Amino acid sequence: MSSPPRRPRTLSDAKTEAEAAFKSLTTKKPEAAPVKAAVPGVKELVSLRIDQDVLEHFQQGGPGWQDRINAALRKAAGKGG
């Protein structure tokens, strides 16, 4: 069985291949972000979207609702209470 005839290489093909090879060698690869060591007792400010009824549940107890959410998340993550 014969294969279809190959298309002859053109100057455009060679240029494209050379540009791709150059780019792969000169493009900086993004470095992985350094892993931060968790500092005990330090909290990070984040924005979180949760359902209104869940928020109301934690806010029913008055001040400290953010700490109660944090405690629930720690328990769910298996990090204790």
PDB file of N, CA and C in Angstrom:
ATOM      1  N   MET A   1       0.859  -1.176   0.000  1.00  0.00           N
ATOM      2  CA  MET A   1       0.000   0.000   0.000  1.00  0.00           C
ATOM      3  C   MET A   1       0.897   1.228   0.000  1.00  0.00           C
ATOM      4  N   SER A   2       0.641   2.126  -0.867  1.00  0.00           N
ATOM      5  CA  SER A   2       1.485   3.309  -0.947  1.00  0.00           C
ATOM      6  C   SER A   2       0.868   4.444  -0.132  1.00  0.00           C
ATOM      7  N   SER A   3       1.737   5.230   0.473  1.00  0.00           N
ATOM      8  CA  SER A   3       1.251   6.359   1.250  1.00  0.00           C
ATOM      9  C   SER A   3       1.077   7.557   0.329  1.00  0.00           C
ATOM     10  N   PRO A   4       0.229   8.497   0.722  1.00  0.00           N
ATOM     11  CA  PRO A   4       0.019   9.663  -0.133  1.00  0.00           C
ATOM     12  C   PRO A   4       1.326  10.453  -0.239  1.00  0.00           C
ATOM     13  N   PRO A   5       1.514  11.127  -1.331  1.00  0.00           N
ATOM     14  CA  PRO A   5       2.757  11.887  -1.500  1.00  0.00           C
ATOM     15  C   PRO A   5       2.874  12.975  -0.435  1.00  0.00           C
ATOM     16  N   ARG A   6       4.088  13.156   0.060  1.00  0.00           N
ATOM     17  CA  ARG A   6       4.309  14.180   1.088  1.00  0.00           C
ATOM     18  C   ARG A   6       4.370  15.549   0.435  1.00  0.00           C
ATOM     19  N   ARG A   7       3.839  16.482   1.119  1.00  0.00           N
ATOM     20  CA  ARG A   7       3.885  17.862   0.641  1.00  0.00           C
ATOM     21  C   ARG A   7       5.317  18.362   0.831  1.00  0.00           C
ATOM     22  N   PRO A   8       5.905  18.989  -0.135  1.00  0.00           N
ATOM     23  CA  PRO A   8       7.277  19.474   0.032  1.00  0.00           C
ATOM     24  C   PRO A   8       7.338  20.560   1.103  1.00  0.00           C
ATOM     25  N   ARG A   9       8.436  20.548   1.857  1.00  0.00           N
ATOM     26  CA  ARG A   9       8.611  21.580   2.883  1.00  0.00           C
ATOM     27  C   ARG A   9       8.788  22.933   2.211  1.00  0.00           C
ATOM     28  N   THR A  10       8.223  23.922   2.838  1.00  0.00           N
ATOM     29  CA  THR A  10       8.367  25.273   2.303  1.00  0.00           C
ATOM     30  C   THR A  10       9.174  26.109   3.288  1.00  0.00           C
ATOM     31  N   LEU A  11       9.580  27.265   2.852  1.00  0.00           N
ATOM     32  CA  LEU A  11      10.310  28.181   3.719  1.00  0.00           C
ATOM     33  C   LEU A  11       9.448  28.561   4.920  1.00  0.00           C
ATOM     34  N   SER A  12       8.156  28.674   4.682  1.00  0.00           N
ATOM     35  CA  SER A  12       7.228  29.019   5.756  1.00  0.00           C
ATOM     36  C   SER A  12       7.223  27.938   6.831  1.00  0.00           C
ATOM     37  N   ASP A  13       7.240  26.651   6.423  1.00  0.00           N
ATOM     38  CA  ASP A  13       7.268  25.546   7.382  1.00  0.00           C
ATOM     39  C   ASP A  13       8.528  25.603   8.232  1.00  0.00           C
ATOM     40  N   ALA A  14       9.662  25.815   7.588  1.00  0.00           N
ATOM     41  CA  ALA A  14      10.938  25.870   8.298  1.00  0.00           C
ATOM     42  C   ALA A  14      10.961  27.034   9.278  1.00  0.00           C
ATOM     43  N   LYS A  15      10.441  28.164   8.843  1.00  0.00           N
ATOM     44  CA  LYS A  15      10.411  29.345   9.714  1.00  0.00           C
ATOM     45  C   LYS A  15       9.527  29.086  10.929  1.00  0.00           C
ATOM     46  N   THR A  16       8.365  28.499  10.708  1.00  0.00           N
ATOM     47  CA  THR A  16       7.444  28.195  11.800  1.00  0.00           C
ATOM     48  C   THR A  16       8.084  27.236  12.788  1.00  0.00           C
ATOM     49  N   GLU A  17       8.744  26.202  12.277  1.00  0.00           N
ATOM     50  CA  GLU A  17       9.396  25.231  13.150  1.00  0.00           C
ATOM     51  C   GLU A  17      10.538  25.870  13.934  1.00  0.00           C
ATOM     52  N   ALA A  18      11.319  26.722  13.291  1.00  0.00           N
ATOM     53  CA  ALA A  18      12.420  27.399  13.964  1.00  0.00           C
ATOM     54  C   ALA A  18      11.906  28.334  15.049  1.00  0.00           C
ATOM     55  N   GLU A  19      10.832  29.072  14.753  1.00  0.00           N
ATOM     56  CA  GLU A  19      10.256  29.973  15.748  1.00  0.00           C
ATOM     57  C   GLU A  19       9.729  29.197  16.952  1.00  0.00           C
ATOM     58  N   ALA A  20       9.094  28.076  16.695  1.00  0.00           N
ATOM     59  CA  ALA A  20       8.570  27.256  17.790  1.00  0.00           C
ATOM     60  C   ALA A  20       9.704  26.705  18.647  1.00  0.00           C
ATOM     61  N   ALA A  21      10.781  26.245  18.005  1.00  0.00           N
ATOM     62  CA  ALA A  21      11.923  25.721  18.754  1.00  0.00           C
ATOM     63  C   ALA A  21      12.564  26.825  19.581  1.00  0.00           C
ATOM     64  N   PHE A  22      12.733  28.011  19.008  1.00  0.00           N
ATOM     65  CA  PHE A  22      13.329  29.134  19.727  1.00  0.00           C
ATOM     66  C   PHE A  22      12.462  29.541  20.909  1.00  0.00           C
ATOM     67  N   LYS A  23      11.171  29.614  20.667  1.00  0.00           N
ATOM     68  CA  LYS A  23      10.246  30.025  21.730  1.00  0.00           C
ATOM     69  C   LYS A  23      10.273  29.035  22.887  1.00  0.00           C
ATOM     70  N   SER A  24      10.326  27.735  22.587  1.00  0.00           N
ATOM     71  CA  SER A  24      10.326  26.736  23.663  1.00  0.00           C
ATOM     72  C   SER A  24      11.593  26.817  24.498  1.00  0.00           C
ATOM     73  N   LEU A  25      12.696  27.273  23.895  1.00  0.00           N
ATOM     74  CA  LEU A  25      13.955  27.374  24.632  1.00  0.00           C
ATOM     75  C   LEU A  25      14.099  28.685  25.381  1.00  0.00           C
ATOM     76  N   THR A  26      13.434  29.730  24.928  1.00  0.00           N
ATOM     77  CA  THR A  26      13.623  31.045  25.546  1.00  0.00           C
ATOM     78  C   THR A  26      12.467  31.485  26.431  1.00  0.00           C
ATOM     79  N   THR A  27      11.368  30.782  26.388  1.00  0.00           N
ATOM     80  CA  THR A  27      10.224  31.162  27.208  1.00  0.00           C
ATOM     81  C   THR A  27      10.462  30.719  28.646  1.00  0.00           C
ATOM     82  N   LYS A  28      10.315  31.668  29.580  1.00  0.00           N
ATOM     83  CA  LYS A  28      10.462  31.328  30.994  1.00  0.00           C
ATOM     84  C   LYS A  28       9.260  30.519  31.440  1.00  0.00           C
ATOM     85  N   LYS A  29       9.537  29.429  32.078  1.00  0.00           N
ATOM     86  CA  LYS A  29       8.456  28.617  32.630  1.00  0.00           C
ATOM     87  C   LYS A  29       8.104  29.185  34.000  1.00  0.00           C
ATOM     88  N   PRO A  30       6.811  29.342  34.298  1.00  0.00           N
ATOM     89  CA  PRO A  30       6.435  29.897  35.602  1.00  0.00           C
ATOM     90  C   PRO A  30       6.904  28.985  36.734  1.00  0.00           C
ATOM     91  N   GLU A  31       7.496  29.618  37.730  1.00  0.00           N
ATOM     92  CA  GLU A  31       7.957  28.855  38.878  1.00  0.00           C
ATOM     93  C   GLU A  31       6.774  28.571  39.785  1.00  0.00           C
ATOM     94  N   ALA A  32       6.827  27.434  40.438  1.00  0.00           N
ATOM     95  CA  ALA A  32       5.764  27.080  41.380  1.00  0.00           C
ATOM     96  C   ALA A  32       5.816  28.056  42.548  1.00  0.00           C
ATOM     97  N   ALA A  33       4.654  28.472  42.993  1.00  0.00           N
ATOM     98  CA  ALA A  33       4.589  29.388  44.126  1.00  0.00           C
ATOM     99  C   ALA A  33       5.142  28.693  45.361  1.00  0.00           C
ATOM    100  N   PRO A  34       5.948  29.397  46.140  1.00  0.00           N
ATOM    101  CA  PRO A  34       6.492  28.765  47.341  1.00  0.00           C
ATOM    102  C   PRO A  34       5.374  28.425  48.317  1.00  0.00           C
ATOM    103  N   VAL A  35       5.528  27.292  48.955  1.00  0.00           N
ATOM    104  CA  VAL A  35       4.521  26.857  49.920  1.00  0.00           C
ATOM    105  C   VAL A  35       4.749  27.614  51.219  1.00  0.00           C
ATOM    106  N   LYS A  36       3.717  28.290  51.671  1.00  0.00           N
ATOM    107  CA  LYS A  36       3.827  29.046  52.915  1.00  0.00           C
ATOM    108  C   LYS A  36       3.650  28.103  54.102  1.00  0.00           C
ATOM    109  N   ALA A  37       4.499  28.253  55.058  1.00  0.00           N
ATOM    110  CA  ALA A  37       4.352  27.483  56.288  1.00  0.00           C
ATOM    111  C   ALA A  37       3.239  28.132  57.103  1.00  0.00           C
ATOM    112  N   ALA A  38       2.335  27.328  57.583  1.00  0.00           N
ATOM    113  CA  ALA A  38       1.225  27.850  58.376  1.00  0.00           C
ATOM    114  C   ALA A  38       1.747  28.312  59.729  1.00  0.00           C
ATOM    115  N   VAL A  39       1.426  29.549  60.058  1.00  0.00           N
ATOM    116  CA  VAL A  39       1.812  30.096  61.347  1.00  0.00           C
ATOM    117  C   VAL A  39       0.610  29.949  62.276  1.00  0.00           C
ATOM    118  N   PRO A  40       0.776  29.264  63.387  1.00  0.00           N
ATOM    119  CA  PRO A  40      -0.354  29.053  64.299  1.00  0.00           C
ATOM    120  C   PRO A  40      -0.961  30.375  64.759  1.00  0.00           C
ATOM    121  N   GLY A  41      -2.270  30.440  64.725  1.00  0.00           N
ATOM    122  CA  GLY A  41      -2.991  31.605  65.230  1.00  0.00           C
ATOM    123  C   GLY A  41      -3.123  32.760  64.248  1.00  0.00           C
ATOM    124  N   VAL A  42      -2.488  32.677  63.086  1.00  0.00           N
ATOM    125  CA  VAL A  42      -2.578  33.752  62.100  1.00  0.00           C
ATOM    126  C   VAL A  42      -3.683  33.399  61.119  1.00  0.00           C
ATOM    127  N   LYS A  43      -4.579  34.339  60.917  1.00  0.00           N
ATOM    128  CA  LYS A  43      -5.701  34.100  60.010  1.00  0.00           C
ATOM    129  C   LYS A  43      -5.519  34.944  58.759  1.00  0.00           C
ATOM    130  N   GLU A  44      -5.999  34.428  57.658  1.00  0.00           N
ATOM    131  CA  GLU A  44      -5.874  35.109  56.380  1.00  0.00           C
ATOM    132  C   GLU A  44      -7.236  35.623  55.943  1.00  0.00           C
ATOM    133  N   LEU A  45      -7.271  36.847  55.462  1.00  0.00           N
ATOM    134  CA  LEU A  45      -8.498  37.456  54.973  1.00  0.00           C
ATOM    135  C   LEU A  45      -8.833  36.877  53.606  1.00  0.00           C
ATOM    136  N   VAL A  46     -10.038  36.322  53.462  1.00  0.00           N
ATOM    137  CA  VAL A  46     -10.489  35.764  52.195  1.00  0.00           C
ATOM    138  C   VAL A  46     -11.907  36.229  51.917  1.00  0.00           C
ATOM    139  N   SER A  47     -12.306  36.087  50.674  1.00  0.00           N
ATOM    140  CA  SER A  47     -13.682  36.359  50.287  1.00  0.00           C
ATOM    141  C   SER A  47     -14.317  35.006  49.993  1.00  0.00           C
ATOM    142  N   LEU A  48     -15.482  34.752  50.561  1.00  0.00           N
ATOM    143  CA  LEU A  48     -16.114  33.451  50.444  1.00  0.00           C
ATOM    144  C   LEU A  48     -17.599  33.629  50.169  1.00  0.00           C
ATOM    145  N   ARG A  49     -18.098  32.896  49.206  1.00  0.00           N
ATOM    146  CA  ARG A  49     -19.536  32.951  48.905  1.00  0.00           C
ATOM    147  C   ARG A  49     -20.194  31.717  49.493  1.00  0.00           C
ATOM    148  N   ILE A  50     -21.147  31.956  50.385  1.00  0.00           N
ATOM    149  CA  ILE A  50     -21.904  30.851  50.987  1.00  0.00           C
ATOM    150  C   ILE A  50     -23.383  31.183  50.918  1.00  0.00           C
ATOM    151  N   ASP A  51     -24.189  30.155  51.037  1.00  0.00           N
ATOM    152  CA  ASP A  51     -25.638  30.365  50.970  1.00  0.00           C
ATOM    153  C   ASP A  51     -26.105  31.236  52.141  1.00  0.00           C
ATOM    154  N   GLN A  52     -27.115  32.049  51.876  1.00  0.00           N
ATOM    155  CA  GLN A  52     -27.645  32.983  52.878  1.00  0.00           C
ATOM    156  C   GLN A  52     -28.115  32.256  54.125  1.00  0.00           C
ATOM    157  N   ASP A  53     -28.789  31.112  53.959  1.00  0.00           N
ATOM    158  CA  ASP A  53     -29.294  30.413  55.145  1.00  0.00           C
ATOM    159  C   ASP A  53     -28.158  29.867  56.008  1.00  0.00           C
ATOM    160  N   VAL A  54     -27.050  29.487  55.388  1.00  0.00           N
ATOM    161  CA  VAL A  54     -25.891  29.014  56.147  1.00  0.00           C
ATOM    162  C   VAL A  54     -25.296  30.178  56.929  1.00  0.00           C
ATOM    163  N   LEU A  55     -25.152  31.322  56.297  1.00  0.00           N
ATOM    164  CA  LEU A  55     -24.629  32.504  56.966  1.00  0.00           C
ATOM    165  C   LEU A  55     -25.514  32.888  58.149  1.00  0.00           C
ATOM    166  N   GLU A  56     -26.821  32.895  57.929  1.00  0.00           N
ATOM    167  CA  GLU A  56     -27.747  33.239  59.008  1.00  0.00           C
ATOM    168  C   GLU A  56     -27.629  32.266  60.175  1.00  0.00           C
ATOM    169  N   HIS A  57     -27.423  30.994  59.890  1.00  0.00           N
ATOM    170  CA  HIS A  57     -27.255  29.987  60.943  1.00  0.00           C
ATOM    171  C   HIS A  57     -26.091  30.357  61.868  1.00  0.00           C
ATOM    172  N   PHE A  58     -24.954  30.729  61.276  1.00  0.00           N
ATOM    173  CA  PHE A  58     -23.787  31.059  62.088  1.00  0.00           C
ATOM    174  C   PHE A  58     -23.928  32.426  62.759  1.00  0.00           C
ATOM    175  N   GLN A  59     -24.661  33.339  62.141  1.00  0.00           N
ATOM    176  CA  GLN A  59     -24.818  34.671  62.716  1.00  0.00           C
ATOM    177  C   GLN A  59     -25.856  34.709  63.837  1.00  0.00           C
ATOM    178  N   GLN A  60     -26.697  33.681  63.954  1.00  0.00           N
ATOM    179  CA  GLN A  60     -27.727  33.655  64.991  1.00  0.00           C
ATOM    180  C   GLN A  60     -27.132  33.750  66.392  1.00  0.00           C
ATOM    181  N   GLY A  61     -25.940  33.236  66.579  1.00  0.00           N
ATOM    182  CA  GLY A  61     -25.306  33.265  67.897  1.00  0.00           C
ATOM    183  C   GLY A  61     -24.663  34.593  68.240  1.00  0.00           C
ATOM    184  N   GLY A  62     -24.800  35.583  67.359  1.00  0.00           N
ATOM    185  CA  GLY A  62     -24.232  36.894  67.626  1.00  0.00           C
ATOM    186  C   GLY A  62     -22.766  36.972  67.241  1.00  0.00           C
ATOM    187  N   PRO A  63     -22.056  37.921  67.884  1.00  0.00           N
ATOM    188  CA  PRO A  63     -20.637  38.095  67.556  1.00  0.00           C
ATOM    189  C   PRO A  63     -19.861  36.784  67.703  1.00  0.00           C
ATOM    190  N   GLY A  64     -18.850  36.634  66.873  1.00  0.00           N
ATOM    191  CA  GLY A  64     -18.059  35.411  66.877  1.00  0.00           C
ATOM    192  C   GLY A  64     -18.477  34.444  65.789  1.00  0.00           C
ATOM    193  N   TRP A  65     -19.383  34.881  64.907  1.00  0.00           N
ATOM    194  CA  TRP A  65     -19.878  33.972  63.868  1.00  0.00           C
ATOM    195  C   TRP A  65     -18.778  33.551  62.908  1.00  0.00           C
ATOM    196  N   GLN A  66     -17.796  34.430  62.659  1.00  0.00           N
ATOM    197  CA  GLN A  66     -16.698  34.057  61.773  1.00  0.00           C
ATOM    198  C   GLN A  66     -15.840  32.958  62.414  1.00  0.00           C
ATOM    199  N   ASP A  67     -15.647  33.063  63.724  1.00  0.00           N
ATOM    200  CA  ASP A  67     -14.896  32.023  64.440  1.00  0.00           C
ATOM    201  C   ASP A  67     -15.652  30.696  64.405  1.00  0.00           C
ATOM    202  N   ARG A  68     -16.984  30.760  64.484  1.00  0.00           N
ATOM    203  CA  ARG A  68     -17.778  29.523  64.427  1.00  0.00           C
ATOM    204  C   ARG A  68     -17.686  28.881  63.040  1.00  0.00           C
ATOM    205  N   ILE A  69     -17.695  29.702  61.998  1.00  0.00           N
ATOM    206  CA  ILE A  69     -17.526  29.164  60.639  1.00  0.00           C
ATOM    207  C   ILE A  69     -16.140  28.536  60.516  1.00  0.00           C
ATOM    208  N   ASN A  70     -15.120  29.213  61.042  1.00  0.00           N
ATOM    209  CA  ASN A  70     -13.754  28.686  60.978  1.00  0.00           C
ATOM    210  C   ASN A  70     -13.669  27.346  61.707  1.00  0.00           C
ATOM    211  N   ALA A  71     -14.299  27.248  62.878  1.00  0.00           N
ATOM    212  CA  ALA A  71     -14.273  25.996  63.648  1.00  0.00           C
ATOM    213  C   ALA A  71     -14.965  24.876  62.874  1.00  0.00           C
ATOM    214  N   ALA A  72     -16.090  25.187  62.226  1.00  0.00           N
ATOM    215  CA  ALA A  72     -16.815  24.180  61.445  1.00  0.00           C
ATOM    216  C   ALA A  72     -15.967  23.718  60.252  1.00  0.00           C
ATOM    217  N   LEU A  73     -15.273  24.649  59.615  1.00  0.00           N
ATOM    218  CA  LEU A  73     -14.425  24.293  58.493  1.00  0.00           C
ATOM    219  C   LEU A  73     -13.213  23.471  58.942  1.00  0.00           C
ATOM    220  N   ARG A  74     -12.639  23.809  60.085  1.00  0.00           N
ATOM    221  CA  ARG A  74     -11.522  23.032  60.621  1.00  0.00           C
ATOM    222  C   ARG A  74     -11.967  21.602  60.902  1.00  0.00           C
ATOM    223  N   LYS A  75     -13.153  21.458  61.484  1.00  0.00           N
ATOM    224  CA  LYS A  75     -13.675  20.115  61.795  1.00  0.00           C
ATOM    225  C   LYS A  75     -13.901  19.346  60.505  1.00  0.00           C
ATOM    226  N   ALA A  76     -14.481  20.000  59.497  1.00  0.00           N
ATOM    227  CA  ALA A  76     -14.734  19.329  58.216  1.00  0.00           C
ATOM    228  C   ALA A  76     -13.427  18.940  57.525  1.00  0.00           C
ATOM    229  N   ALA A  77     -12.376  19.718  57.756  1.00  0.00           N
ATOM    230  CA  ALA A  77     -11.076  19.435  57.133  1.00  0.00           C
ATOM    231  C   ALA A  77     -10.285  18.409  57.940  1.00  0.00           C
ATOM    232  N   GLY A  78     -10.852  17.958  59.072  1.00  0.00           N
ATOM    233  CA  GLY A  78     -10.163  16.970  59.896  1.00  0.00           C
ATOM    234  C   GLY A  78      -9.021  17.573  60.693  1.00  0.00           C
ATOM    235  N   LYS A  79      -9.101  18.849  60.977  1.00  0.00           N
ATOM    236  CA  LYS A  79      -8.031  19.540  61.710  1.00  0.00           C
ATOM    237  C   LYS A  79      -8.363  19.752  63.185  1.00  0.00           C
ATOM    238  N   GLY A  80      -9.405  19.105  63.646  1.00  0.00           N
ATOM    239  CA  GLY A  80      -9.775  19.264  65.060  1.00  0.00           C
ATOM    240  C   GLY A  80     -10.726  20.429  65.259  1.00  0.00           C
ATOM    241  N   GLY A  81     -10.931  20.773  66.480  1.00  0.00           N
ATOM    242  CA  GLY A  81     -11.961  21.745  66.756  1.00  0.00           C
ATOM    243  C   GLY A  81     -11.538  23.029  67.192  1.00  0.00           C
TER     244      GLY A  81
END
